[in-house]
Amino acid sequence: MLRLTPKQASPSSLQVLCLGAHSDDIEIGCGGTVLRLQDEYPELHVHWVVFGAIGDRMQEARSSAEAFLANVKNKTIILKQFRDSFFPYVGEQIKECFEEIKKDVSPDIILTHYRDDLHQDHRLICDFTWNTFRDHLILEYEIPKYDGDMGRPNLFVPLDKPICDRKAALIVESFRSQTGRQWFSEDTFLALMRLRGVEANSPSRFAEAFYCRKILV
């Protein structure tokens, strides 16, 4: 298995752009990777952007972002209020947001939604990610859901069990509004990381998985 190290300005610094359509997407899709990166890069800089955070979900999104980025000194948290499930119908406005983000950051890694995700909001964010950032490492994360659109990822980030436990606990603690959903539980998030750990032959037994369409070696 080929192991890759991101190209960055210095061994201790890394710029990461996290993009999520809804309030809990980043945490579910790549929260463990973000927790691991802040342990490994003392000068980690994270831009965290949620496009659909409305009402109580906005406060949940902010509190969760602060919790996941607790050890990141250089962080920017941006919360937008686009209506859930209607992203394709306000695409022009969302594209303008992407252009503004592009002015502020040139990340080493971009974490965004999966291209073939069956949720229309997720797909739009992925499309605009590729449309806006043409010379960056883009990793597409996955979200478990009723639609059953889990695919075959090709890039894995091994995670120690304490990181996985923290990720799952933080998600459930932060997003109380979602606890009535049948799938929204710690065991769901841990199970997916365990499965991806099997596929990656992870020494820690756990991993998060991503889709990487293009990479320059």
C-alpha atoms as a PDB file:
ATOM      1  CA  MET A   1       0.000   0.000   0.000  1.00  0.00           C
ATOM      2  CA  LEU A   2       1.487   3.353  -1.058  1.00  0.00           C
ATOM      3  CA  ARG A   3       1.756   5.889   1.757  1.00  0.00           C
ATOM      4  CA  LEU A   4       1.539   9.571   0.849  1.00  0.00           C
ATOM      5  CA  THR A   5       2.506  12.721   2.731  1.00  0.00           C
ATOM      6  CA  PRO A   6       0.903  16.069   1.820  1.00  0.00           C
ATOM      7  CA  LYS A   7       3.155  18.780   0.450  1.00  0.00           C
ATOM      8  CA  GLN A   8       3.235  21.739   2.836  1.00  0.00           C
ATOM      9  CA  ALA A   9       5.284  24.852   3.603  1.00  0.00           C
ATOM     10  CA  SER A  10       6.955  23.332   6.688  1.00  0.00           C
ATOM     11  CA  PRO A  11       6.832  19.997   8.538  1.00  0.00           C
ATOM     12  CA  SER A  12       4.723  21.487  11.323  1.00  0.00           C
ATOM     13  CA  SER A  13       2.241  23.501   9.255  1.00  0.00           C
ATOM     14  CA  LEU A  14      -0.708  22.470   7.127  1.00  0.00           C
ATOM     15  CA  GLN A  15      -3.671  24.358   5.695  1.00  0.00           C
ATOM     16  CA  VAL A  16      -6.933  22.436   5.545  1.00  0.00           C
ATOM     17  CA  LEU A  17     -10.260  23.523   4.088  1.00  0.00           C
ATOM     18  CA  CYS A  18     -13.288  21.599   5.401  1.00  0.00           C
ATOM     19  CA  LEU A  19     -16.527  21.999   3.451  1.00  0.00           C
ATOM     20  CA  GLY A  20     -19.904  20.697   4.593  1.00  0.00           C
ATOM     21  CA  ALA A  21     -23.402  21.179   3.259  1.00  0.00           C
ATOM     22  CA  HIS A  22     -25.123  20.706   6.623  1.00  0.00           C
ATOM     23  CA  SER A  23     -24.302  21.235  10.265  1.00  0.00           C
ATOM     24  CA  ASP A  24     -22.947  17.765  11.061  1.00  0.00           C
ATOM     25  CA  ASP A  25     -21.489  16.702   7.697  1.00  0.00           C
ATOM     26  CA  ILE A  26     -17.849  17.623   8.300  1.00  0.00           C
ATOM     27  CA  GLU A  27     -17.828  15.953  11.693  1.00  0.00           C
ATOM     28  CA  ILE A  28     -19.360  12.722  10.405  1.00  0.00           C
ATOM     29  CA  GLY A  29     -17.353  12.576   7.195  1.00  0.00           C
ATOM     30  CA  CYS A  30     -13.878  13.604   8.331  1.00  0.00           C
ATOM     31  CA  GLY A  31     -13.985  14.578  12.005  1.00  0.00           C
ATOM     32  CA  GLY A  32     -11.487  11.894  12.990  1.00  0.00           C
ATOM     33  CA  THR A  33      -9.028  13.024  10.334  1.00  0.00           C
ATOM     34  CA  VAL A  34      -9.280  16.616  11.571  1.00  0.00           C
ATOM     35  CA  LEU A  35      -8.623  15.458  15.145  1.00  0.00           C
ATOM     36  CA  ARG A  36      -5.604  13.461  14.015  1.00  0.00           C
ATOM     37  CA  LEU A  37      -4.169  16.315  11.942  1.00  0.00           C
ATOM     38  CA  GLN A  38      -4.223  18.740  14.852  1.00  0.00           C
ATOM     39  CA  ASP A  39      -2.216  16.242  16.898  1.00  0.00           C
ATOM     40  CA  GLU A  40       0.381  15.917  14.142  1.00  0.00           C
ATOM     41  CA  TYR A  41       0.665  19.520  12.933  1.00  0.00           C
ATOM     42  CA  PRO A  42       1.218  22.110  15.710  1.00  0.00           C
ATOM     43  CA  GLU A  43       0.686  24.950  13.239  1.00  0.00           C
ATOM     44  CA  LEU A  44      -2.407  23.508  11.610  1.00  0.00           C
ATOM     45  CA  HIS A  45      -4.697  26.127  10.044  1.00  0.00           C
ATOM     46  CA  VAL A  46      -8.284  25.099   9.406  1.00  0.00           C
ATOM     47  CA  HIS A  47     -10.980  26.857   7.416  1.00  0.00           C
ATOM     48  CA  TRP A  48     -14.291  25.218   8.412  1.00  0.00           C
ATOM     49  CA  VAL A  49     -17.285  26.120   6.253  1.00  0.00           C
ATOM     50  CA  VAL A  50     -20.872  24.940   6.738  1.00  0.00           C
ATOM     51  CA  PHE A  51     -23.314  26.117   4.079  1.00  0.00           C
ATOM     52  CA  GLY A  52     -26.637  25.122   5.655  1.00  0.00           C
ATOM     53  CA  ALA A  53     -26.797  26.032   9.357  1.00  0.00           C
ATOM     54  CA  ILE A  54     -30.193  27.504  10.245  1.00  0.00           C
ATOM     55  CA  GLY A  55     -31.906  28.141  13.591  1.00  0.00           C
ATOM     56  CA  ASP A  56     -30.817  25.813  16.393  1.00  0.00           C
ATOM     57  CA  ARG A  57     -28.602  23.985  13.924  1.00  0.00           C
ATOM     58  CA  MET A  58     -26.408  27.071  13.635  1.00  0.00           C
ATOM     59  CA  GLN A  59     -25.559  27.066  17.328  1.00  0.00           C
ATOM     60  CA  GLU A  60     -24.975  23.315  17.195  1.00  0.00           C
ATOM     61  CA  ALA A  61     -22.671  23.756  14.207  1.00  0.00           C
ATOM     62  CA  ARG A  62     -20.649  26.466  15.932  1.00  0.00           C
ATOM     63  CA  SER A  63     -20.334  24.582  19.210  1.00  0.00           C
ATOM     64  CA  SER A  64     -19.315  21.408  17.406  1.00  0.00           C
ATOM     65  CA  ALA A  65     -16.723  23.173  15.251  1.00  0.00           C
ATOM     66  CA  GLU A  66     -15.209  24.764  18.352  1.00  0.00           C
ATOM     67  CA  ALA A  67     -15.086  21.365  20.061  1.00  0.00           C
ATOM     68  CA  PHE A  68     -13.483  19.569  17.116  1.00  0.00           C
ATOM     69  CA  LEU A  69     -10.968  22.411  16.632  1.00  0.00           C
ATOM     70  CA  ALA A  70     -10.260  22.940  20.317  1.00  0.00           C
ATOM     71  CA  ASN A  71      -6.509  22.474  19.857  1.00  0.00           C
ATOM     72  CA  VAL A  72      -6.250  24.460  16.626  1.00  0.00           C
ATOM     73  CA  LYS A  73      -4.965  27.990  17.218  1.00  0.00           C
ATOM     74  CA  ASN A  74      -5.395  29.140  13.627  1.00  0.00           C
ATOM     75  CA  LYS A  75      -9.009  28.500  12.674  1.00  0.00           C
ATOM     76  CA  THR A  76     -11.749  30.210  10.720  1.00  0.00           C
ATOM     77  CA  ILE A  77     -15.332  29.041  11.159  1.00  0.00           C
ATOM     78  CA  ILE A  78     -17.860  30.190   8.547  1.00  0.00           C
ATOM     79  CA  LEU A  79     -21.553  29.352   8.844  1.00  0.00           C
ATOM     80  CA  LYS A  80     -24.008  30.081   6.031  1.00  0.00           C
ATOM     81  CA  GLN A  81     -27.785  29.719   6.071  1.00  0.00           C
ATOM     82  CA  PHE A  82     -28.793  28.107   2.793  1.00  0.00           C
ATOM     83  CA  ARG A  83     -31.980  26.069   2.999  1.00  0.00           C
ATOM     84  CA  ASP A  84     -31.600  22.309   3.438  1.00  0.00           C
ATOM     85  CA  SER A  85     -32.383  20.281   0.281  1.00  0.00           C
ATOM     86  CA  PHE A  86     -32.689  23.383  -1.917  1.00  0.00           C
ATOM     87  CA  PHE A  87     -29.002  24.008  -2.736  1.00  0.00           C
ATOM     88  CA  PRO A  88     -29.304  23.292  -6.490  1.00  0.00           C
ATOM     89  CA  TYR A  89     -31.930  26.044  -6.766  1.00  0.00           C
ATOM     90  CA  VAL A  90     -29.661  28.733  -5.284  1.00  0.00           C
ATOM     91  CA  GLY A  91     -26.471  27.512  -6.918  1.00  0.00           C
ATOM     92  CA  GLU A  92     -25.391  30.962  -8.063  1.00  0.00           C
ATOM     93  CA  GLN A  93     -25.327  32.292  -4.508  1.00  0.00           C
ATOM     94  CA  ILE A  94     -23.418  29.260  -3.240  1.00  0.00           C
ATOM     95  CA  LYS A  95     -20.901  29.585  -6.070  1.00  0.00           C
ATOM     96  CA  GLU A  96     -20.304  33.195  -5.018  1.00  0.00           C
ATOM     97  CA  CYS A  97     -19.485  31.919  -1.517  1.00  0.00           C
ATOM     98  CA  PHE A  98     -16.909  29.566  -3.013  1.00  0.00           C
ATOM     99  CA  GLU A  99     -15.277  32.429  -4.876  1.00  0.00           C
ATOM    100  CA  GLU A 100     -14.997  34.390  -1.629  1.00  0.00           C
ATOM    101  CA  ILE A 101     -13.466  31.412   0.150  1.00  0.00           C
ATOM    102  CA  LYS A 102     -10.941  31.029  -2.671  1.00  0.00           C
ATOM    103  CA  LYS A 103      -9.721  34.588  -2.050  1.00  0.00           C
ATOM    104  CA  ASP A 104      -8.977  33.827   1.588  1.00  0.00           C
ATOM    105  CA  VAL A 105      -7.299  30.428   1.515  1.00  0.00           C
ATOM    106  CA  SER A 106      -5.125  28.224  -0.690  1.00  0.00           C
ATOM    107  CA  PRO A 107      -5.267  24.941   1.221  1.00  0.00           C
ATOM    108  CA  ASP A 108      -2.910  21.979   1.155  1.00  0.00           C
ATOM    109  CA  ILE A 109      -5.897  19.640   1.578  1.00  0.00           C
ATOM    110  CA  ILE A 110      -9.598  20.135   0.881  1.00  0.00           C
ATOM    111  CA  LEU A 111     -12.110  17.821   2.568  1.00  0.00           C
ATOM    112  CA  THR A 112     -15.483  17.847   0.839  1.00  0.00           C
ATOM    113  CA  HIS A 113     -18.482  15.707  -0.074  1.00  0.00           C
ATOM    114  CA  TYR A 114     -18.392  12.596  -2.262  1.00  0.00           C
ATOM    115  CA  ARG A 115     -19.152  13.098  -5.952  1.00  0.00           C
ATOM    116  CA  ASP A 116     -21.744  10.307  -6.116  1.00  0.00           C
ATOM    117  CA  ASP A 117     -23.518  11.124  -2.848  1.00  0.00           C
ATOM    118  CA  LEU A 118     -27.270  10.787  -3.418  1.00  0.00           C
ATOM    119  CA  HIS A 119     -28.106  13.927  -1.448  1.00  0.00           C
ATOM    120  CA  GLN A 120     -28.414  16.813  -3.896  1.00  0.00           C
ATOM    121  CA  ASP A 121     -26.923  19.382  -1.489  1.00  0.00           C
ATOM    122  CA  HIS A 122     -23.860  17.208  -0.958  1.00  0.00           C
ATOM    123  CA  ARG A 123     -23.297  16.730  -4.683  1.00  0.00           C
ATOM    124  CA  LEU A 124     -23.524  20.456  -5.372  1.00  0.00           C
ATOM    125  CA  ILE A 125     -20.867  21.253  -2.773  1.00  0.00           C
ATOM    126  CA  CYS A 126     -18.604  18.630  -4.325  1.00  0.00           C
ATOM    127  CA  ASP A 127     -19.169  19.993  -7.834  1.00  0.00           C
ATOM    128  CA  PHE A 128     -18.340  23.537  -6.781  1.00  0.00           C
ATOM    129  CA  THR A 129     -15.265  22.335  -4.894  1.00  0.00           C
ATOM    130  CA  TRP A 130     -13.797  20.912  -8.093  1.00  0.00           C
ATOM    131  CA  ASN A 131     -15.009  23.852 -10.154  1.00  0.00           C
ATOM    132  CA  THR A 132     -13.369  26.380  -7.826  1.00  0.00           C
ATOM    133  CA  PHE A 133     -10.128  24.693  -6.755  1.00  0.00           C
ATOM    134  CA  ARG A 134      -8.130  23.374  -9.711  1.00  0.00           C
ATOM    135  CA  ASP A 135      -4.652  22.837  -8.222  1.00  0.00           C
ATOM    136  CA  HIS A 136      -5.324  21.339  -4.822  1.00  0.00           C
ATOM    137  CA  LEU A 137      -5.512  17.935  -3.166  1.00  0.00           C
ATOM    138  CA  ILE A 138      -9.242  17.211  -2.822  1.00  0.00           C
ATOM    139  CA  LEU A 139     -10.449  14.316  -0.698  1.00  0.00           C
ATOM    140  CA  GLU A 140     -14.148  13.430  -0.790  1.00  0.00           C
ATOM    141  CA  TYR A 141     -15.605  12.044   2.430  1.00  0.00           C
ATOM    142  CA  GLU A 142     -18.642   9.810   2.912  1.00  0.00           C
ATOM    143  CA  ILE A 143     -21.850  10.175   4.917  1.00  0.00           C
ATOM    144  CA  PRO A 144     -23.852   7.077   5.972  1.00  0.00           C
ATOM    145  CA  LYS A 145     -27.563   7.500   5.318  1.00  0.00           C
ATOM    146  CA  TYR A 146     -30.855   5.842   4.390  1.00  0.00           C
ATOM    147  CA  ASP A 147     -30.076   6.050   0.658  1.00  0.00           C
ATOM    148  CA  GLY A 148     -27.404   3.363   0.924  1.00  0.00           C
ATOM    149  CA  ASP A 149     -24.950   5.157  -1.347  1.00  0.00           C
ATOM    150  CA  MET A 150     -21.726   3.904   0.233  1.00  0.00           C
ATOM    151  CA  GLY A 151     -19.108   3.285  -2.435  1.00  0.00           C
ATOM    152  CA  ARG A 152     -15.590   1.916  -2.743  1.00  0.00           C
ATOM    153  CA  PRO A 153     -13.172   4.554  -1.411  1.00  0.00           C
ATOM    154  CA  ASN A 154      -9.520   4.511  -2.439  1.00  0.00           C
ATOM    155  CA  LEU A 155      -7.766   6.565   0.237  1.00  0.00           C
ATOM    156  CA  PHE A 156      -7.719   5.795   3.955  1.00  0.00           C
ATOM    157  CA  VAL A 157      -6.611   7.645   7.093  1.00  0.00           C
ATOM    158  CA  PRO A 158      -5.896   5.237   9.993  1.00  0.00           C
ATOM    159  CA  LEU A 159      -7.227   6.499  13.323  1.00  0.00           C
ATOM    160  CA  ASP A 160      -6.402   5.435  16.856  1.00  0.00           C
ATOM    161  CA  LYS A 161      -9.367   4.180  18.868  1.00  0.00           C
ATOM    162  CA  PRO A 162      -9.363   7.150  21.307  1.00  0.00           C
ATOM    163  CA  ILE A 163      -9.749   9.527  18.365  1.00  0.00           C
ATOM    164  CA  CYS A 164     -12.637   7.464  17.008  1.00  0.00           C
ATOM    165  CA  ASP A 165     -14.331   7.412  20.407  1.00  0.00           C
ATOM    166  CA  ARG A 166     -13.903  11.174  20.755  1.00  0.00           C
ATOM    167  CA  LYS A 167     -15.272  11.822  17.283  1.00  0.00           C
ATOM    168  CA  ALA A 168     -18.389   9.704  17.862  1.00  0.00           C
ATOM    169  CA  ALA A 169     -19.015  11.175  21.316  1.00  0.00           C
ATOM    170  CA  LEU A 170     -18.586  14.779  20.164  1.00  0.00           C
ATOM    171  CA  ILE A 171     -21.037  14.309  17.298  1.00  0.00           C
ATOM    172  CA  VAL A 172     -23.762  12.897  19.511  1.00  0.00           C
ATOM    173  CA  GLU A 173     -23.151  15.493  22.239  1.00  0.00           C
ATOM    174  CA  SER A 174     -23.092  18.425  19.820  1.00  0.00           C
ATOM    175  CA  PHE A 175     -26.127  17.637  17.690  1.00  0.00           C
ATOM    176  CA  ARG A 176     -28.928  16.947  20.154  1.00  0.00           C
ATOM    177  CA  SER A 177     -31.518  17.894  17.528  1.00  0.00           C
ATOM    178  CA  GLN A 178     -30.607  14.758  15.558  1.00  0.00           C
ATOM    179  CA  THR A 179     -30.813  12.149  18.307  1.00  0.00           C
ATOM    180  CA  GLY A 180     -34.306  11.079  17.229  1.00  0.00           C
ATOM    181  CA  ARG A 181     -32.966   9.798  13.916  1.00  0.00           C
ATOM    182  CA  GLN A 182     -32.583   6.021  13.854  1.00  0.00           C
ATOM    183  CA  TRP A 183     -29.082   6.081  12.353  1.00  0.00           C
ATOM    184  CA  PHE A 184     -27.677   8.933  14.435  1.00  0.00           C
ATOM    185  CA  SER A 185     -25.708   7.126  17.137  1.00  0.00           C
ATOM    186  CA  GLU A 186     -22.149   6.501  18.247  1.00  0.00           C
ATOM    187  CA  ASP A 187     -22.239   2.874  17.146  1.00  0.00           C
ATOM    188  CA  THR A 188     -23.068   3.896  13.563  1.00  0.00           C
ATOM    189  CA  PHE A 189     -20.032   6.151  13.326  1.00  0.00           C
ATOM    190  CA  LEU A 190     -17.728   3.669  15.036  1.00  0.00           C
ATOM    191  CA  ALA A 191     -18.973   0.799  12.858  1.00  0.00           C
ATOM    192  CA  LEU A 192     -18.168   2.629   9.645  1.00  0.00           C
ATOM    193  CA  MET A 193     -14.663   3.514  10.857  1.00  0.00           C
ATOM    194  CA  ARG A 194     -14.119  -0.092  11.897  1.00  0.00           C
ATOM    195  CA  LEU A 195     -15.207  -1.349   8.472  1.00  0.00           C
ATOM    196  CA  ARG A 196     -12.914   1.086   6.675  1.00  0.00           C
ATOM    197  CA  GLY A 197     -10.137   0.050   9.031  1.00  0.00           C
ATOM    198  CA  VAL A 198     -10.556  -3.535   7.816  1.00  0.00           C
ATOM    199  CA  GLU A 199     -10.353  -2.418   4.177  1.00  0.00           C
ATOM    200  CA  ALA A 200      -7.210  -0.365   4.885  1.00  0.00           C
ATOM    201  CA  ASN A 201      -5.571  -3.052   7.022  1.00  0.00           C
ATOM    202  CA  SER A 202      -5.184  -0.258   9.567  1.00  0.00           C
ATOM    203  CA  PRO A 203      -2.793  -1.123  12.425  1.00  0.00           C
ATOM    204  CA  SER A 204      -5.213   0.595  14.803  1.00  0.00           C
ATOM    205  CA  ARG A 205      -8.184  -1.335  13.297  1.00  0.00           C
ATOM    206  CA  PHE A 206     -10.014   1.920  12.501  1.00  0.00           C
ATOM    207  CA  ALA A 207      -9.894   4.436   9.654  1.00  0.00           C
ATOM    208  CA  GLU A 208     -11.810   7.106   7.786  1.00  0.00           C
ATOM    209  CA  ALA A 209     -12.162   6.669   4.049  1.00  0.00           C
ATOM    210  CA  PHE A 210     -12.055   9.137   1.165  1.00  0.00           C
ATOM    211  CA  TYR A 211     -12.307   9.260  -2.591  1.00  0.00           C
ATOM    212  CA  CYS A 212      -9.302  10.811  -4.319  1.00  0.00           C
ATOM    213  CA  ARG A 213      -9.893  11.409  -8.024  1.00  0.00           C
ATOM    214  CA  LYS A 214      -6.607  13.122  -8.853  1.00  0.00           C
ATOM    215  CA  ILE A 215      -3.243  13.130  -7.107  1.00  0.00           C
ATOM    216  CA  LEU A 216       0.184  14.326  -8.245  1.00  0.00           C
ATOM    217  CA  VAL A 217       2.992  12.102  -6.924  1.00  0.00           C
END
